[in-house]
Amino acid sequence: MEDTPTKPFLNRYQHWLLAALSALLLFLSFPNVNFFPVAWVALVPLFIALIRATGWKSAFWIGYATGLLFFAGLLPAIALLYPYANIFATLVGYLLLVGYTALYFAVFAALIKFVPIRFSGIFFPLAIACIWTALEWVRSWMITGFPWGSIGYSQWNNLPGIQAASLIGVHGISFVIVFFNASIAFLFCNRHQWRQEIRTLILPLILATCCFGYGAFQLKDAEPLKPTSDTTAAADAETLTIALIPGNISQLQKWDSDQFPRILQRYINLTYQAANENPDLIVWPETAIRSEALTGQWPLYYGRFSRTLRDIALPILIGTANLGETIDPAIGTYSKSDEPKEWKDVNIYNRVLSIAPDGQIHGAYAKMHLVPFGEYVPLADLLPDFIPNFIQFKPFTSGKTVNLLPVFNVKDNTESSGNGLGPPYQEAVLNVQDRTADPQKRIDIGVSICFESVFPDEFRRPVQKGASVMGVFTNDAWFKGTAFPELHLSMVPFRAIENRIAVFRCANGGFTCVVDKFGRITTPMVTPDTDQEILVTPVQLLSSTEREKTLYTRYGDWFPILCAIICVGWFGAQIVIHRRRDHF
């Protein structure tokens, strides 16, 4: 029988077709598709192609093709930023980012060609998993870090499979998945000797079984999810009832200063509505309010905001971009004499403030890990002047310390009958106007602002300092209509599990919800597309008996670092041995 034209084509391009198949399967395992089981076999075609590749150069380009196709499908939101930036800049940024992240796939592919495949069957898949995990970890911090697309995140809906993140972090979950993929690929390539090589699957199967078994054991002890309407749970000393007010303002409106009065009034109206449900704390998202309204530089809007605080008599956590190295002890302290003479001399910080009902600022946290080319220009002093000017924004300054935000768990101890404001605000202040803060009920809240929440080693620092609950404040309106808001959300369950701490998420233009310490989303999602505009719910606090930190909280990325040390040690030893052989 003569070969059909299709067969020579498949034989000639089989490596590239396998690479493309792996890229497609990986893409399907991530948001928005979220078909997470496919990740457990997604890399098998790539690994088969790499095992059959003739040399490291060929492997490099096969790996690069896989990475290029995968990240091209995962990251188009970068190119779609053009309504807010120059279309040329966004397209170039997208292409550069895809090309850069694909390099890690390429380097991985080239390195495994230096691992002797004829060694013990289990050694080769184990080496593949170590190399992959080490490079994935390097990508999470190299050049400020970009962890999107780490394969462990594909499992964010697979709760039994990711509970081990409290021990080994998200990169440890990636290791288990890649180890399983590599073992299947190795067995397939040696299928003619399957009786001898079947043992290759034993260890990864045991490891995966242990991972799922540990997860099932942890979830067995988890409390049943309570109805979100059960706000009486806030009476428990171990919970705090929070009101999340995402606002969901479009990014184009946020940039329009003429829209600020309307935006502020929307947040105020929603806050009065939330106060009706008797929460302990109000939360506004990242950069929700202009700093001029807090400092008193804009007296009209400062008056509206300060009156709202007095009316609801509740503490508030609020995101704002403000000036200066230090924070005034109270809002409304602006003085013209404090105004900088030159705009270029101003340091702007992306902050979250903890403000008491009387306007006192109890704490502030400034974002430490800024978005490159979005919030600052890397190596700006070394670049030609036209590049920072082309980007056209005033860069932020990064914060220097991890600060917990203190709030006071205020409770209503009196019967009250309103304050005479009349509808619609009378009910909002009913039973709250006489609240007072009890210093004995101080609660320390850890904060992660937007981009910071994707870095597990940074997220754990407030927990180490004693945070009782973590909050993610973000503005995802930049990426409306793309997979990025859900990609961003998918990382929060891992942060909660890694540190065994509840996380509330207040997202303008994204997903607002609460995630418990087992990574379960315990509330309805509030998004720009839902009818629900606020979320009032109790959130679990770390009790005194739960203060023992997880292995990940204590030691961070110890597992991928161990993988990196093993890889460097092994490849270093091979180089030394090779040189000695050449010398003699």
Protein backbone atom coordinates (compact mmCIF):
# COMPACT_ATOMS: atom_id res chain seq x y z
CA MET A 1 0.00 0.00 0.00
CA GLU A 2 1.37 3.37 -0.96
CA ASP A 3 1.73 6.07 1.64
CA THR A 4 -0.87 8.76 1.47
CA PRO A 5 0.40 12.37 1.24
CA THR A 6 -0.73 12.83 4.82
CA LYS A 7 1.63 10.23 6.26
CA PRO A 8 4.92 11.77 5.05
CA PHE A 9 3.65 15.13 6.26
CA LEU A 10 2.95 13.74 9.72
CA ASN A 11 6.32 11.98 9.86
CA ARG A 12 8.19 15.08 8.76
CA TYR A 13 6.49 17.49 11.12
CA GLN A 14 5.54 15.17 13.96
CA HIS A 15 7.74 17.00 16.49
CA TRP A 16 6.10 20.33 15.75
CA LEU A 17 2.62 18.85 15.74
CA LEU A 18 3.28 17.26 19.13
CA ALA A 19 4.60 20.57 20.41
CA ALA A 20 1.46 22.34 19.20
CA LEU A 21 -0.76 19.66 20.76
CA SER A 22 0.89 20.16 24.17
CA ALA A 23 0.44 23.93 23.88
CA LEU A 24 -3.26 23.45 23.10
CA LEU A 25 -3.84 21.00 25.97
CA LEU A 26 -2.04 23.30 28.40
CA PHE A 27 -4.16 26.22 27.26
CA LEU A 28 -7.35 24.21 27.80
CA SER A 29 -6.38 23.47 31.41
CA PHE A 30 -6.23 27.18 32.36
CA PRO A 31 -8.95 29.83 32.61
CA ASN A 32 -11.25 30.52 30.93
CA VAL A 33 -11.65 26.88 29.80
CA ASN A 34 -10.56 25.42 33.16
CA PHE A 35 -10.50 21.79 32.03
CA PHE A 36 -7.93 21.01 34.72
CA PRO A 37 -7.72 17.18 34.36
CA VAL A 38 -6.08 17.58 30.94
CA ALA A 39 -3.00 19.12 32.60
CA TRP A 40 -2.07 15.65 33.88
CA VAL A 41 -1.38 14.54 30.29
CA ALA A 42 -0.89 17.89 28.52
CA LEU A 43 2.91 17.68 28.45
CA VAL A 44 3.08 14.07 27.25
CA PRO A 45 3.19 15.00 23.52
CA LEU A 46 5.96 17.56 24.17
CA PHE A 47 8.02 15.10 26.18
CA ILE A 48 7.65 12.42 23.48
CA ALA A 49 8.86 14.92 20.88
CA LEU A 50 11.82 15.91 23.06
CA ILE A 51 12.84 12.32 23.76
CA ARG A 52 12.84 11.65 20.00
CA ALA A 53 14.63 14.89 19.11
CA THR A 54 18.10 14.40 17.65
CA GLY A 55 19.97 16.96 19.73
CA TRP A 56 19.69 19.84 22.15
CA LYS A 57 19.36 22.46 19.40
CA SER A 58 16.40 20.68 17.88
CA ALA A 59 14.90 20.22 21.37
CA PHE A 60 15.40 23.93 22.10
CA TRP A 61 13.24 24.98 19.16
CA ILE A 62 10.60 22.35 19.84
CA GLY A 63 10.31 23.62 23.41
CA TYR A 64 10.29 27.22 22.23
CA ALA A 65 7.45 26.48 19.81
CA THR A 66 5.38 24.96 22.61
CA GLY A 67 6.00 27.89 24.93
CA LEU A 68 5.35 30.43 22.19
CA LEU A 69 1.98 28.93 21.26
CA PHE A 70 0.91 28.41 24.87
CA PHE A 71 1.74 31.90 26.11
CA ALA A 72 0.44 33.51 22.90
CA GLY A 73 -2.93 31.99 23.77
CA LEU A 74 -2.71 32.75 27.47
CA LEU A 75 -1.56 36.38 27.41
CA PRO A 76 -3.44 38.29 24.67
CA ALA A 77 -4.84 40.57 27.39
CA ILE A 78 -1.51 42.44 27.25
CA ALA A 79 -2.09 43.37 23.60
CA LEU A 80 -5.68 44.36 24.39
CA LEU A 81 -4.53 47.10 26.78
CA TYR A 82 -4.49 49.51 23.83
CA PRO A 83 -7.55 51.50 24.94
CA TYR A 84 -5.40 52.67 27.86
CA ALA A 85 -2.01 52.81 26.15
CA ASN A 86 -0.36 53.23 22.76
CA ILE A 87 -1.34 50.33 20.48
CA PHE A 88 2.26 49.97 19.28
CA ALA A 89 3.52 49.73 22.86
CA THR A 90 0.95 47.10 23.87
CA LEU A 91 1.62 44.92 20.82
CA VAL A 92 5.38 45.13 21.28
CA GLY A 93 4.98 44.39 24.99
CA TYR A 94 2.80 41.37 24.22
CA LEU A 95 5.26 39.95 21.67
CA LEU A 96 8.25 40.53 23.93
CA LEU A 97 6.53 38.95 26.92
CA VAL A 98 5.42 35.89 24.95
CA GLY A 99 8.88 35.52 23.46
CA TYR A 100 10.53 35.88 26.87
CA THR A 101 8.32 33.43 28.76
CA ALA A 102 8.61 30.87 25.94
CA LEU A 103 12.38 30.86 26.52
CA TYR A 104 11.87 28.90 29.75
CA PHE A 105 10.22 26.09 27.80
CA ALA A 106 13.10 26.21 25.32
CA VAL A 107 15.84 26.13 27.97
CA PHE A 108 14.06 23.28 29.73
CA ALA A 109 13.84 21.31 26.48
CA ALA A 110 17.52 21.81 25.73
CA LEU A 111 18.62 20.81 29.25
CA ILE A 112 16.81 17.49 29.29
CA LYS A 113 18.80 16.38 26.23
CA PHE A 114 21.82 16.32 28.54
CA VAL A 115 20.12 13.87 30.89
CA PRO A 116 21.05 10.27 29.96
CA ILE A 117 17.80 8.59 28.96
CA ARG A 118 19.31 5.12 29.37
CA PHE A 119 19.59 5.54 33.13
CA SER A 120 17.13 3.90 35.46
CA GLY A 121 13.59 4.40 34.19
CA ILE A 122 12.49 6.48 37.16
CA PHE A 123 15.53 8.77 37.02
CA PHE A 124 14.69 10.37 33.70
CA PRO A 125 11.12 11.49 34.58
CA LEU A 126 12.38 12.62 37.98
CA ALA A 127 15.08 14.74 36.33
CA ILE A 128 12.51 16.25 33.97
CA ALA A 129 10.27 17.24 36.90
CA CYS A 130 13.21 18.77 38.81
CA ILE A 131 14.37 20.83 35.83
CA TRP A 132 10.85 22.04 35.05
CA THR A 133 10.13 23.01 38.67
CA ALA A 134 13.45 24.82 39.06
CA LEU A 135 12.91 26.88 35.88
CA GLU A 136 9.30 27.63 36.79
CA TRP A 137 10.52 28.98 40.13
CA VAL A 138 13.24 31.05 38.42
CA ARG A 139 10.60 32.55 36.11
CA SER A 140 8.60 33.57 39.18
CA TRP A 141 11.31 36.03 40.29
CA MET A 142 13.68 36.65 37.36
CA ILE A 143 13.36 40.22 35.97
CA THR A 144 10.80 41.05 38.71
CA GLY A 145 8.99 37.75 38.06
CA PHE A 146 6.12 36.55 35.89
CA PRO A 147 4.49 33.38 37.29
CA TRP A 148 1.44 33.32 35.00
CA GLY A 149 1.20 29.93 33.29
CA SER A 150 2.85 27.93 36.07
CA ILE A 151 1.23 24.55 35.54
CA GLY A 152 0.24 24.13 39.18
CA TYR A 153 -2.26 26.99 38.84
CA SER A 154 -4.27 24.94 36.33
CA GLN A 155 -5.50 22.91 39.32
CA TRP A 156 -7.12 25.77 41.24
CA ASN A 157 -10.53 24.06 40.99
CA ASN A 158 -9.07 20.69 41.98
CA LEU A 159 -9.31 21.17 45.74
CA PRO A 160 -8.20 17.66 46.87
CA GLY A 161 -5.22 17.83 44.52
CA ILE A 162 -3.81 21.14 45.79
CA GLN A 163 -4.06 20.89 49.60
CA ALA A 164 -0.40 19.79 49.64
CA ALA A 165 0.47 23.37 48.67
CA SER A 166 0.55 24.09 52.42
CA LEU A 167 3.68 21.90 52.45
CA ILE A 168 5.32 22.35 49.04
CA GLY A 169 3.66 25.43 47.52
CA VAL A 170 2.27 25.79 44.03
CA HIS A 171 5.60 24.79 42.48
CA GLY A 172 5.43 21.49 44.35
CA ILE A 173 2.05 20.82 42.73
CA SER A 174 3.68 21.57 39.36
CA PHE A 175 6.37 19.00 40.19
CA VAL A 176 3.82 16.24 40.81
CA ILE A 177 1.97 17.01 37.55
CA VAL A 178 5.13 17.16 35.43
CA PHE A 179 6.52 13.99 37.03
CA PHE A 180 3.31 12.17 36.10
CA ASN A 181 3.41 13.50 32.52
CA ALA A 182 7.08 12.59 32.08
CA SER A 183 6.55 9.03 33.33
CA ILE A 184 3.74 8.43 30.83
CA ALA A 185 5.87 9.85 28.00
CA PHE A 186 8.87 7.71 28.99
CA LEU A 187 6.70 4.59 29.14
CA PHE A 188 5.18 5.38 25.73
CA CYS A 189 8.60 5.81 24.12
CA ASN A 190 9.66 2.45 25.59
CA ARG A 191 6.36 0.68 25.01
CA HIS A 192 8.06 -2.27 23.32
CA GLN A 193 9.67 -3.00 26.69
CA TRP A 194 6.65 -1.99 28.74
CA ARG A 195 6.95 -4.96 31.11
CA GLN A 196 10.36 -3.71 32.26
CA GLU A 197 9.49 -0.01 32.17
CA ILE A 198 6.06 -0.14 33.78
CA ARG A 199 7.79 0.43 37.10
CA THR A 200 8.42 3.98 35.90
CA LEU A 201 4.80 4.78 36.73
CA ILE A 202 4.87 3.39 40.25
CA LEU A 203 6.50 6.34 42.05
CA PRO A 204 4.52 9.11 40.30
CA LEU A 205 1.30 7.18 40.94
CA ILE A 206 2.21 6.82 44.61
CA LEU A 207 3.11 10.51 44.80
CA ALA A 208 -0.13 11.61 43.12
CA THR A 209 -2.13 9.26 45.33
CA CYS A 210 -0.47 10.66 48.44
CA CYS A 211 -1.17 14.19 47.22
CA PHE A 212 -4.87 13.48 46.68
CA GLY A 213 -5.09 11.42 49.87
CA TYR A 214 -3.62 14.25 51.91
CA GLY A 215 -6.05 16.64 50.29
CA ALA A 216 -9.05 14.43 51.04
CA PHE A 217 -7.91 14.10 54.66
CA GLN A 218 -7.60 17.88 55.04
CA LEU A 219 -10.98 18.56 53.45
CA LYS A 220 -12.64 15.91 55.60
CA ASP A 221 -11.98 18.03 58.66
CA ALA A 222 -13.12 21.26 56.95
CA GLU A 223 -16.27 22.85 58.30
CA PRO A 224 -19.29 22.83 55.96
CA LEU A 225 -19.66 26.04 54.02
CA LYS A 226 -22.10 28.34 55.79
CA PRO A 227 -24.74 30.35 53.96
CA THR A 228 -23.39 33.81 53.20
CA SER A 229 -26.54 35.37 54.66
CA ASP A 230 -25.64 34.06 58.11
CA THR A 231 -24.09 37.29 59.35
CA THR A 232 -24.84 36.27 62.95
CA ALA A 233 -21.67 34.25 62.72
CA ALA A 234 -19.84 37.55 63.18
CA ALA A 235 -20.72 37.44 66.85
CA ASP A 236 -18.17 34.68 67.12
CA ALA A 237 -14.80 36.05 68.26
CA GLU A 238 -13.12 34.10 65.48
CA THR A 239 -14.94 35.81 62.60
CA LEU A 240 -15.20 39.30 61.17
CA THR A 241 -18.11 40.44 59.05
CA ILE A 242 -16.77 42.42 56.12
CA ALA A 243 -18.56 44.42 53.43
CA LEU A 244 -16.73 44.31 50.11
CA ILE A 245 -17.57 47.26 47.81
CA PRO A 246 -15.85 46.60 44.46
CA GLY A 247 -17.58 49.49 42.67
CA ASN A 248 -16.77 47.95 39.28
CA ILE A 249 -15.87 51.22 37.60
CA SER A 250 -14.62 50.91 34.02
CA GLN A 251 -10.98 51.82 33.55
CA LEU A 252 -11.69 54.61 31.08
CA GLN A 253 -13.98 56.27 33.64
CA LYS A 254 -11.41 55.86 36.42
CA TRP A 255 -8.91 57.81 34.32
CA ASP A 256 -11.39 60.61 33.65
CA SER A 257 -11.13 63.18 36.45
CA ASP A 258 -14.53 64.58 35.45
CA GLN A 259 -16.05 61.24 36.44
CA PHE A 260 -14.69 61.36 39.99
CA PRO A 261 -17.79 62.94 41.60
CA ARG A 262 -19.98 60.21 40.16
CA ILE A 263 -17.52 57.47 41.13
CA LEU A 264 -17.21 58.72 44.70
CA GLN A 265 -20.98 58.98 45.06
CA ARG A 266 -21.37 55.41 43.79
CA TYR A 267 -18.99 54.10 46.45
CA ILE A 268 -20.75 56.17 49.12
CA ASN A 269 -24.19 54.91 48.12
CA LEU A 270 -23.03 51.29 48.10
CA THR A 271 -21.35 51.81 51.47
CA TYR A 272 -24.60 53.05 53.05
CA GLN A 273 -26.34 50.04 51.53
CA ALA A 274 -23.75 47.69 53.00
CA ALA A 275 -23.95 49.40 56.43
CA ASN A 276 -27.60 48.37 56.50
CA GLU A 277 -26.42 44.77 56.96
CA ASN A 278 -24.42 45.61 60.09
CA PRO A 279 -20.86 44.61 59.07
CA ASP A 280 -17.75 45.18 61.17
CA LEU A 281 -15.59 46.55 58.36
CA ILE A 282 -16.03 48.26 55.00
CA VAL A 283 -13.56 47.47 52.19
CA TRP A 284 -13.00 49.47 48.99
CA PRO A 285 -10.64 48.12 46.27
CA GLU A 286 -7.26 49.25 44.94
CA THR A 287 -7.05 52.96 44.01
CA ALA A 288 -10.78 53.39 44.64
CA ILE A 289 -10.55 57.04 45.68
CA ARG A 290 -8.41 60.04 44.72
CA SER A 291 -6.05 61.10 47.47
CA GLU A 292 -7.22 64.73 47.17
CA ALA A 293 -10.56 63.68 48.68
CA LEU A 294 -8.77 62.18 51.68
CA THR A 295 -6.32 65.00 52.33
CA GLY A 296 -8.94 67.74 52.12
CA GLN A 297 -7.33 69.26 49.04
CA TRP A 298 -10.79 68.88 47.47
CA PRO A 299 -12.97 70.10 50.37
CA LEU A 300 -16.33 69.20 48.83
CA TYR A 301 -15.45 65.56 48.26
CA TYR A 302 -13.56 65.29 51.52
CA GLY A 303 -16.71 66.50 53.25
CA ARG A 304 -18.82 63.82 51.58
CA PHE A 305 -16.39 61.07 52.49
CA SER A 306 -15.85 62.16 56.09
CA ARG A 307 -19.60 62.52 56.64
CA THR A 308 -20.09 58.98 55.37
CA LEU A 309 -17.54 57.71 57.91
CA ARG A 310 -19.36 59.48 60.73
CA ASP A 311 -22.76 58.27 59.59
CA ILE A 312 -21.92 54.59 59.30
CA ALA A 313 -19.53 54.61 62.29
CA LEU A 314 -17.48 51.77 60.78
CA PRO A 315 -13.76 51.37 60.09
CA ILE A 316 -12.82 51.21 56.44
CA LEU A 317 -9.94 49.77 54.41
CA ILE A 318 -9.51 51.81 51.28
CA GLY A 319 -7.16 51.76 48.31
CA THR A 320 -5.70 55.04 47.13
CA ALA A 321 -2.66 56.44 45.36
CA ASN A 322 -1.17 59.18 47.53
CA LEU A 323 1.95 61.24 47.95
CA GLY A 324 4.77 61.31 50.44
CA GLU A 325 6.92 58.97 52.44
CA THR A 326 4.84 59.31 55.60
CA ILE A 327 1.13 59.18 56.34
CA ASP A 328 -0.68 61.87 58.32
CA PRO A 329 -2.43 60.67 61.49
CA ALA A 330 -5.86 61.65 60.13
CA ILE A 331 -7.63 62.47 56.89
CA GLY A 332 -8.25 66.10 55.93
CA THR A 333 -4.83 67.40 56.97
CA TYR A 334 -3.84 68.85 53.60
CA SER A 335 -1.97 72.14 53.62
CA LYS A 336 -0.91 74.15 50.58
CA SER A 337 2.47 74.64 52.21
CA ASP A 338 2.99 70.86 51.91
CA GLU A 339 2.41 70.89 48.16
CA PRO A 340 5.61 69.99 46.22
CA LYS A 341 6.97 72.64 43.91
CA GLU A 342 7.95 70.19 41.19
CA TRP A 343 5.82 67.22 40.12
CA LYS A 344 8.95 65.24 39.29
CA ASP A 345 10.01 65.50 42.94
CA VAL A 346 6.86 63.71 44.14
CA ASN A 347 6.90 60.07 45.24
CA ILE A 348 3.55 58.38 44.59
CA TYR A 349 2.59 55.22 46.47
CA ASN A 350 -0.13 52.70 45.77
CA ARG A 351 -1.48 52.32 49.30
CA VAL A 352 -4.22 50.77 51.37
CA LEU A 353 -5.24 52.79 54.43
CA SER A 354 -7.03 51.69 57.58
CA ILE A 355 -9.29 54.59 58.58
CA ALA A 356 -11.39 54.80 61.75
CA PRO A 357 -14.89 56.38 61.78
CA ASP A 358 -13.44 59.55 63.31
CA GLY A 359 -11.02 59.93 60.40
CA GLN A 360 -7.94 58.70 62.25
CA ILE A 361 -5.59 56.67 60.07
CA HIS A 362 -4.62 53.58 62.07
CA GLY A 363 -2.31 52.04 59.51
CA ALA A 364 -1.02 52.15 55.94
CA TYR A 365 0.60 49.69 53.58
CA ALA A 366 2.33 50.72 50.35
CA LYS A 367 2.59 48.26 47.48
CA MET A 368 6.10 46.82 47.38
CA HIS A 369 6.12 44.76 44.17
CA LEU A 370 5.17 47.10 41.35
CA VAL A 371 4.13 46.17 37.81
CA PRO A 372 7.00 46.77 35.36
CA PHE A 373 6.05 49.24 32.60
CA GLY A 374 2.63 49.58 34.24
CA GLU A 375 3.59 51.25 37.51
CA TYR A 376 7.27 51.94 36.96
CA VAL A 377 9.91 51.72 34.22
CA PRO A 378 12.68 49.19 35.03
CA LEU A 379 16.19 50.63 34.73
CA ALA A 380 14.68 53.99 33.76
CA ASP A 381 17.92 55.82 34.57
CA LEU A 382 19.79 53.72 32.00
CA LEU A 383 17.21 54.04 29.21
CA PRO A 384 17.09 56.79 26.59
CA ASP A 385 14.80 59.64 27.61
CA PHE A 386 12.28 58.95 24.88
CA ILE A 387 11.35 55.51 26.28
CA PRO A 388 9.98 56.64 29.67
CA ASN A 389 8.39 59.63 27.93
CA PHE A 390 6.79 57.33 25.34
CA ILE A 391 5.15 55.29 28.10
CA GLN A 392 3.66 58.51 29.46
CA PHE A 393 2.85 57.92 33.10
CA LYS A 394 4.18 59.10 36.43
CA PRO A 395 5.85 56.04 37.99
CA PHE A 396 4.99 54.80 41.44
CA THR A 397 7.51 54.30 44.21
CA SER A 398 7.62 50.91 45.89
CA GLY A 399 6.91 50.52 49.59
CA LYS A 400 9.71 49.35 51.85
CA THR A 401 8.09 47.46 54.72
CA VAL A 402 5.38 44.89 55.33
CA ASN A 403 2.80 46.64 57.49
CA LEU A 404 -0.26 44.99 58.96
CA LEU A 405 -3.39 47.15 59.02
CA PRO A 406 -5.08 47.28 62.42
CA VAL A 407 -8.85 47.52 62.62
CA PHE A 408 -11.12 47.19 65.60
CA ASN A 409 -13.84 44.59 65.75
CA VAL A 410 -16.60 46.98 66.80
CA LYS A 411 -19.90 45.57 67.98
CA ASP A 412 -23.26 47.19 68.60
CA ASN A 413 -24.03 47.27 72.31
CA THR A 414 -26.94 49.71 72.28
CA GLU A 415 -30.42 50.13 70.89
CA SER A 416 -30.68 53.19 68.67
CA SER A 417 -33.29 54.71 66.48
CA GLY A 418 -31.41 56.46 63.70
CA ASN A 419 -29.83 59.87 63.51
CA GLY A 420 -32.42 61.95 61.71
CA LEU A 421 -30.84 61.72 58.27
CA GLY A 422 -34.05 60.31 56.83
CA PRO A 423 -34.40 57.92 53.88
CA PRO A 424 -32.47 56.36 52.31
CA TYR A 425 -29.76 56.70 54.95
CA GLN A 426 -31.70 56.38 58.18
CA GLU A 427 -31.78 52.60 58.04
CA ALA A 428 -28.11 52.52 57.11
CA VAL A 429 -27.06 54.05 60.42
CA LEU A 430 -29.65 52.32 62.57
CA ASN A 431 -27.94 50.47 65.42
CA VAL A 432 -24.43 51.59 64.40
CA GLN A 433 -24.07 55.26 65.39
CA ASP A 434 -23.06 54.57 69.01
CA ARG A 435 -20.41 51.98 68.23
CA THR A 436 -17.03 52.44 69.85
CA ALA A 437 -13.74 50.72 69.16
CA ASP A 438 -12.51 48.35 71.84
CA PRO A 439 -8.67 48.19 71.79
CA GLN A 440 -8.92 44.66 73.14
CA LYS A 441 -10.61 43.62 69.88
CA ARG A 442 -7.89 44.79 67.53
CA ILE A 443 -7.54 42.65 64.42
CA ASP A 444 -4.43 42.82 62.24
CA ILE A 445 -5.13 42.41 58.54
CA GLY A 446 -2.47 41.55 55.98
CA VAL A 447 -2.65 43.25 52.59
CA SER A 448 -1.62 42.20 49.10
CA ILE A 449 -2.21 44.74 46.34
CA CYS A 450 -3.00 43.40 42.87
CA PHE A 451 0.23 42.08 41.26
CA GLU A 452 1.66 41.14 44.66
CA SER A 453 -0.88 38.35 45.15
CA VAL A 454 0.73 36.26 42.40
CA PHE A 455 3.99 35.92 44.38
CA PRO A 456 3.60 33.26 47.10
CA ASP A 457 6.87 34.03 48.86
CA GLU A 458 5.80 37.67 49.31
CA PHE A 459 2.20 36.87 50.24
CA ARG A 460 3.33 34.80 53.24
CA ARG A 461 5.22 37.69 54.90
CA PRO A 462 2.18 39.37 56.48
CA VAL A 463 1.08 35.96 57.75
CA GLN A 464 4.50 35.50 59.32
CA LYS A 465 4.05 38.85 61.04
CA GLY A 466 0.78 37.73 62.61
CA ALA A 467 -2.04 38.64 60.22
CA SER A 468 -5.39 37.16 61.26
CA VAL A 469 -6.81 37.37 57.74
CA MET A 470 -5.45 38.42 54.34
CA GLY A 471 -7.00 40.86 51.89
CA VAL A 472 -6.32 41.18 48.16
CA PHE A 473 -7.06 44.68 46.82
CA THR A 474 -7.00 44.85 43.06
CA ASN A 475 -8.17 46.68 39.96
CA ASP A 476 -8.72 44.17 37.15
CA ALA A 477 -10.80 46.55 35.01
CA TRP A 478 -7.77 46.89 32.72
CA PHE A 479 -8.46 43.40 31.37
CA LYS A 480 -12.22 43.37 30.87
CA GLY A 481 -13.34 40.76 28.36
CA THR A 482 -10.17 38.63 28.69
CA ALA A 483 -9.14 35.61 30.75
CA PHE A 484 -6.81 37.69 32.94
CA PRO A 485 -9.28 38.49 35.76
CA GLU A 486 -9.97 34.78 36.23
CA LEU A 487 -6.28 33.91 35.84
CA HIS A 488 -5.60 36.40 38.62
CA LEU A 489 -8.37 34.91 40.75
CA SER A 490 -7.04 31.37 40.24
CA MET A 491 -3.96 32.18 42.30
CA VAL A 492 -5.86 33.16 45.46
CA PRO A 493 -6.89 29.60 46.48
CA PHE A 494 -3.20 28.67 46.47
CA ARG A 495 -2.27 31.65 48.65
CA ALA A 496 -5.00 30.65 51.12
CA ILE A 497 -3.92 26.99 51.22
CA GLU A 498 -0.19 27.74 51.38
CA ASN A 499 -0.71 29.75 54.55
CA ARG A 500 -3.96 28.16 55.83
CA ILE A 501 -5.55 31.56 56.14
CA ALA A 502 -8.80 33.04 54.83
CA VAL A 503 -8.48 35.63 52.07
CA PHE A 504 -11.02 38.25 51.05
CA ARG A 505 -10.70 39.70 47.58
CA CYS A 506 -12.06 43.13 46.63
CA ALA A 507 -11.64 43.61 42.90
CA ASN A 508 -12.77 46.53 40.78
CA GLY A 509 -13.66 45.05 37.41
CA GLY A 510 -12.81 41.50 38.47
CA PHE A 511 -13.95 38.77 40.85
CA THR A 512 -14.87 39.83 44.38
CA CYS A 513 -15.26 36.95 46.84
CA VAL A 514 -13.94 35.25 49.98
CA VAL A 515 -11.71 32.18 49.92
CA ASP A 516 -11.32 30.05 53.04
CA LYS A 517 -8.13 28.41 54.29
CA PHE A 518 -8.86 25.29 52.21
CA GLY A 519 -9.02 27.28 48.98
CA ARG A 520 -12.81 27.08 48.74
CA ILE A 521 -14.64 30.10 47.38
CA THR A 522 -17.27 30.49 50.10
CA THR A 523 -19.33 33.35 48.67
CA PRO A 524 -21.09 34.27 45.45
CA MET A 525 -18.91 36.08 42.95
CA VAL A 526 -19.50 39.80 42.53
CA THR A 527 -18.40 40.94 39.06
CA PRO A 528 -19.32 43.76 36.67
CA ASP A 529 -21.80 41.34 35.08
CA THR A 530 -23.70 40.33 38.23
CA ASP A 531 -26.78 42.04 39.65
CA GLN A 532 -25.23 41.85 43.12
CA GLU A 533 -23.04 44.92 43.72
CA ILE A 534 -21.79 44.39 47.28
CA LEU A 535 -20.80 41.38 49.33
CA VAL A 536 -21.40 41.29 53.09
CA THR A 537 -20.15 38.10 54.67
CA PRO A 538 -18.36 36.75 57.74
CA VAL A 539 -14.74 35.77 57.16
CA GLN A 540 -12.84 33.33 59.33
CA LEU A 541 -9.97 34.68 61.43
CA LEU A 542 -6.97 32.72 62.57
CA SER A 543 -7.63 31.65 66.12
CA SER A 544 -4.98 31.42 68.82
CA THR A 545 -4.94 27.64 68.37
CA GLU A 546 -4.27 28.01 64.63
CA ARG A 547 -1.27 30.29 64.96
CA GLU A 548 1.16 27.47 64.20
CA LYS A 549 2.40 28.35 60.75
CA THR A 550 2.34 25.95 57.82
CA LEU A 551 5.53 24.51 56.41
CA TYR A 552 5.20 26.85 53.45
CA THR A 553 4.62 29.93 55.61
CA ARG A 554 7.73 29.13 57.61
CA TYR A 555 10.11 28.16 54.82
CA GLY A 556 8.58 29.53 51.62
CA ASP A 557 9.76 28.09 48.30
CA TRP A 558 12.02 25.49 49.87
CA PHE A 559 10.88 22.77 47.47
CA PRO A 560 11.66 24.46 44.13
CA ILE A 561 14.89 25.79 45.63
CA LEU A 562 15.83 22.19 46.48
CA CYS A 563 15.05 21.21 42.89
CA ALA A 564 17.23 24.06 41.63
CA ILE A 565 20.12 23.02 43.90
CA ILE A 566 19.87 19.42 42.68
CA CYS A 567 19.87 20.57 39.05
CA VAL A 568 22.81 22.95 39.47
CA GLY A 569 24.73 20.32 41.44
CA TRP A 570 24.12 17.58 38.89
CA PHE A 571 24.87 19.67 35.80
CA GLY A 572 27.89 21.16 37.54
CA ALA A 573 29.22 17.69 38.33
CA GLN A 574 28.70 16.60 34.70
CA ILE A 575 30.67 19.59 33.45
CA VAL A 576 33.56 18.80 35.83
CA ILE A 577 33.55 15.11 34.84
CA HIS A 578 33.46 16.01 31.13
CA ARG A 579 36.39 18.39 31.46
CA ARG A 580 38.46 15.86 33.38
CA ARG A 581 37.84 13.26 30.68
CA ASP A 582 38.94 15.73 28.00
CA HIS A 583 42.01 16.64 30.04
CA PHE A 584 43.17 13.05 30.41
